[in-house]
C-alpha atoms as a PDB file:
ATOM      1  CA  SER A   1       3.948   0.790   3.506  1.00  0.00           C
ATOM      2  CA  VAL A   2       0.819   1.341   1.457  1.00  0.00           C
ATOM      3  CA  GLN A   3       0.299  -2.407   1.099  1.00  0.00           C
ATOM      4  CA  GLN A   4       0.382  -2.927   4.862  1.00  0.00           C
ATOM      5  CA  GLN A   5      -2.016  -0.012   5.398  1.00  0.00           C
ATOM      6  CA  VAL A   6      -4.523  -1.436   2.928  1.00  0.00           C
ATOM      7  CA  MET A   7      -4.363  -4.995   4.219  1.00  0.00           C
ATOM      8  CA  ALA A   8      -4.518  -3.896   7.866  1.00  0.00           C
ATOM      9  CA  ALA A   9      -7.751  -1.996   7.326  1.00  0.00           C
ATOM     10  CA  GLU A  10     -10.610  -3.416   9.338  1.00  0.00           C
ATOM     11  CA  ASN A  11     -14.040  -4.088   7.808  1.00  0.00           C
ATOM     12  CA  LEU A  12     -12.479  -4.915   4.469  1.00  0.00           C
ATOM     13  CA  SER A  13     -15.013  -6.844   2.400  1.00  0.00           C
ATOM     14  CA  VAL A  14     -12.830  -6.719  -0.700  1.00  0.00           C
ATOM     15  CA  THR A  15      -9.888  -9.032  -0.148  1.00  0.00           C
ATOM     16  CA  ASP A  16      -8.623  -9.079  -3.712  1.00  0.00           C
ATOM     17  CA  PRO A  17      -4.833  -9.387  -3.607  1.00  0.00           C
ATOM     18  CA  ARG A  18      -4.577  -6.759  -6.352  1.00  0.00           C
ATOM     19  CA  LEU A  19      -6.038  -4.025  -4.119  1.00  0.00           C
ATOM     20  CA  PRO A  20      -2.787  -2.893  -2.436  1.00  0.00           C
ATOM     21  CA  GLY A  21      -1.082  -2.772  -5.835  1.00  0.00           C
ATOM     22  CA  LEU A  22      -3.921  -0.667  -7.203  1.00  0.00           C
ATOM     23  CA  VAL A  23      -3.562   1.858  -4.385  1.00  0.00           C
ATOM     24  CA  GLU A  24       0.205   1.890  -4.684  1.00  0.00           C
ATOM     25  CA  LYS A  25       0.419   2.194  -8.486  1.00  0.00           C
ATOM     26  CA  GLN A  26      -2.577   4.427  -9.185  1.00  0.00           C
ATOM     27  CA  ILE A  27      -2.444   6.720  -6.144  1.00  0.00           C
ATOM     28  CA  ALA A  28       0.668   6.504  -3.945  1.00  0.00           C
ATOM     29  CA  ASN A  29       3.067   6.795  -6.893  1.00  0.00           C
ATOM     30  CA  LYS A  30       1.497  10.124  -7.848  1.00  0.00           C
ATOM     31  CA  ALA A  31       0.225  11.694  -4.628  1.00  0.00           C
ATOM     32  CA  THR A  32       0.997  11.576  -0.929  1.00  0.00           C
ATOM     33  CA  ILE A  33      -1.583   9.677   1.100  1.00  0.00           C
ATOM     34  CA  LYS A  34      -2.306  11.558   4.323  1.00  0.00           C
ATOM     35  CA  ASP A  35      -4.748   8.955   5.548  1.00  0.00           C
ATOM     36  CA  MET A  36      -6.881   6.153   4.255  1.00  0.00           C
ATOM     37  CA  ALA A  37      -9.872   4.202   5.515  1.00  0.00           C
ATOM     38  CA  ILE A  38     -11.752   1.227   4.184  1.00  0.00           C
ATOM     39  CA  ASN A  39     -15.281   0.367   5.216  1.00  0.00           C
ATOM     40  CA  ASN A  40     -16.863  -2.589   3.451  1.00  0.00           C
ATOM     41  CA  ASN A  41     -16.163  -1.859  -0.212  1.00  0.00           C
ATOM     42  CA  VAL A  42     -15.565   1.893   0.090  1.00  0.00           C
ATOM     43  CA  LEU A  43     -12.017   3.189   0.213  1.00  0.00           C
ATOM     44  CA  THR A  44     -11.708   6.824   1.289  1.00  0.00           C
ATOM     45  CA  LEU A  45      -8.441   8.685   0.998  1.00  0.00           C
ATOM     46  CA  ASN A  46      -7.102  12.063   2.007  1.00  0.00           C
ATOM     47  CA  ILE A  47      -4.313  12.826  -0.447  1.00  0.00           C
ATOM     48  CA  TYR A  48      -2.215  15.824  -1.378  1.00  0.00           C
ATOM     49  CA  GLY A  49       0.629  16.874  -3.645  1.00  0.00           C
ATOM     50  CA  ILE A  50      -1.311  16.817  -6.915  1.00  0.00           C
ATOM     51  CA  THR A  51      -3.474  19.358  -8.716  1.00  0.00           C
ATOM     52  CA  LEU A  52      -7.237  19.041  -9.198  1.00  0.00           C
ATOM     53  CA  LYS A  53      -6.617  18.198 -12.872  1.00  0.00           C
ATOM     54  CA  GLU A  54      -4.274  15.387 -11.843  1.00  0.00           C
ATOM     55  CA  ALA A  55      -6.887  14.155  -9.347  1.00  0.00           C
ATOM     56  CA  SER A  56      -9.496  14.148 -12.106  1.00  0.00           C
ATOM     57  CA  ASP A  57      -7.163  12.167 -14.368  1.00  0.00           C
ATOM     58  CA  MET A  58      -6.500   9.761 -11.485  1.00  0.00           C
ATOM     59  CA  VAL A  59     -10.239   9.157 -11.011  1.00  0.00           C
ATOM     60  CA  ALA A  60     -10.687   8.478 -14.740  1.00  0.00           C
ATOM     61  CA  LYS A  61      -7.832   5.970 -14.696  1.00  0.00           C
ATOM     62  CA  LEU A  62      -9.085   4.290 -11.507  1.00  0.00           C
ATOM     63  CA  GLU A  63     -12.528   3.820 -13.033  1.00  0.00           C
ATOM     64  CA  GLN A  64     -10.980   1.811 -15.880  1.00  0.00           C
ATOM     65  CA  ASN A  65      -9.713  -0.750 -13.355  1.00  0.00           C
ATOM     66  CA  ALA A  66     -11.708  -3.959 -12.831  1.00  0.00           C
ATOM     67  CA  LEU A  67     -11.458  -3.568  -9.043  1.00  0.00           C
ATOM     68  CA  VAL A  68     -13.141  -0.161  -9.090  1.00  0.00           C
ATOM     69  CA  GLU A  69     -16.877   0.326  -9.468  1.00  0.00           C
ATOM     70  CA  SER A  70     -16.610   4.114  -9.269  1.00  0.00           C
ATOM     71  CA  ALA A  71     -14.271   6.806  -7.992  1.00  0.00           C
ATOM     72  CA  ALA A  72     -14.878  10.433  -7.117  1.00  0.00           C
ATOM     73  CA  VAL A  73     -13.199  13.460  -5.659  1.00  0.00           C
ATOM     74  CA  TYR A  74     -15.793  14.720  -3.234  1.00  0.00           C
ATOM     75  CA  ASN A  75     -13.953  17.553  -1.551  1.00  0.00           C
ATOM     76  CA  ALA A  76     -10.864  19.414  -2.582  1.00  0.00           C
ATOM     77  CA  THR A  77      -9.285  22.635  -1.380  1.00  0.00           C
ATOM     78  CA  ALA A  78      -7.238  24.605  -3.895  1.00  0.00           C
ATOM     79  CA  GLU A  79      -7.300  26.729  -6.980  1.00  0.00           C
ATOM     80  CA  ALA A  80      -7.381  24.612 -10.136  1.00  0.00           C
ATOM     81  CA  ALA A  81      -3.684  25.016 -10.960  1.00  0.00           C
ATOM     82  CA  GLU A  82      -2.398  24.582  -7.398  1.00  0.00           C
ATOM     83  CA  GLU A  83      -1.650  21.445  -5.500  1.00  0.00           C
ATOM     84  CA  ALA A  84      -4.674  20.497  -3.449  1.00  0.00           C
ATOM     85  CA  GLU A  85      -5.710  18.566  -0.401  1.00  0.00           C
ATOM     86  CA  ILE A  86      -8.110  16.063  -1.885  1.00  0.00           C
ATOM     87  CA  PHE A  87     -10.656  13.728  -0.368  1.00  0.00           C
ATOM     88  CA  MET A  88     -11.300  10.821  -2.685  1.00  0.00           C
ATOM     89  CA  SER A  89     -13.788   8.000  -2.458  1.00  0.00           C
ATOM     90  CA  ILE A  90     -13.361   4.764  -4.362  1.00  0.00           C
ATOM     91  CA  ILE A  91     -16.150   2.197  -4.439  1.00  0.00           C
ATOM     92  CA  LEU A  92     -14.635  -1.209  -5.047  1.00  0.00           C
ATOM     93  CA  THR A  93     -16.405  -3.978  -6.893  1.00  0.00           C
ATOM     94  CA  LYS A  94     -17.401  -6.655  -4.401  1.00  0.00           C
ATOM     95  CA  GLU A  95     -17.085  -9.498  -6.859  1.00  0.00           C
ATOM     96  CA  ALA A  96     -13.803  -8.743  -8.599  1.00  0.00           C
ATOM     97  CA  GLU A  97     -12.904 -11.619 -10.907  1.00  0.00           C
END
């Protein structure tokens, strides 16, 4: 499950219990996660099954979350209207209240 993947990640400096729920609700419910890695407070994802517009909307919504310092799509392969393979980076706040 997504929750197990998130919590099993090594080098996780953000241990907020809301993190797996964030990944599940904001990302996994909308896109398919091909793979995911967490290093310190940076979560990188390779996702597919959504368009670039949907990925952009996802980033905007993620950035409204208290656990997220910033989010970005840093590499995507597709035409704008097609489903893409998307590499996303999410920088998590280290001191989430």
